[in-house]
């Protein structure tokens, strides 16, 4: 299944490329930006825990933007490395955990829903990683929802809390369900690509 925002990846990479070139010229490290994106996500989690969902959503969006910049800088500076890619994917999972835990602490939903959603998000990423490493696939980004779609649902749910307080809980549940569906889709795709062997 074609991802909603995955199809736009080439477009937004081209759009932020000039910013990446400026930062690369200033000798900004891609890994430093990766760490910064996690710190912004941690701030988002704290803001959510203080029951300020719209501000939390803004920090979540800022974290995603900084996360995109690290790739732009790496490409502009010729510092695209396997470690950098691994570091980015690992810290992305921490960023997601910080934000969801912040929502739980803010009382938007319980630990059960938070665990269900976080586990689904981690497993979607894990399935892709295993398909590309153990399974030998060049790419396994298929699925109904990747990180961009999930963050968008969180952001929409955050803004909607002012109209309907449980909106963020419903958005979180949807993220968990879509993540689990994505796991099944990636397993099926891997089965097809490897011939089940």
Foldseek 3Di string as FASTA:
>chain_A
DDEPCVVCVVVVLVVCLVVLLVCLVVVNALLVLLVVLLVLLLVLLQCLLVVQLLVSLVSPVVSVVSLSSSVSNCVNNVNDDPVSVVSNLVSVLSSVLSNLVSNCNNVLDHPVLSVLLSVLLVLLSVLQVCCVPVLVDVGQPDFHDHPVRLSVLQNVQSVCCVVPVNSNVVSSNVNSVRSNRSNVVSVVVSCVVSVVD
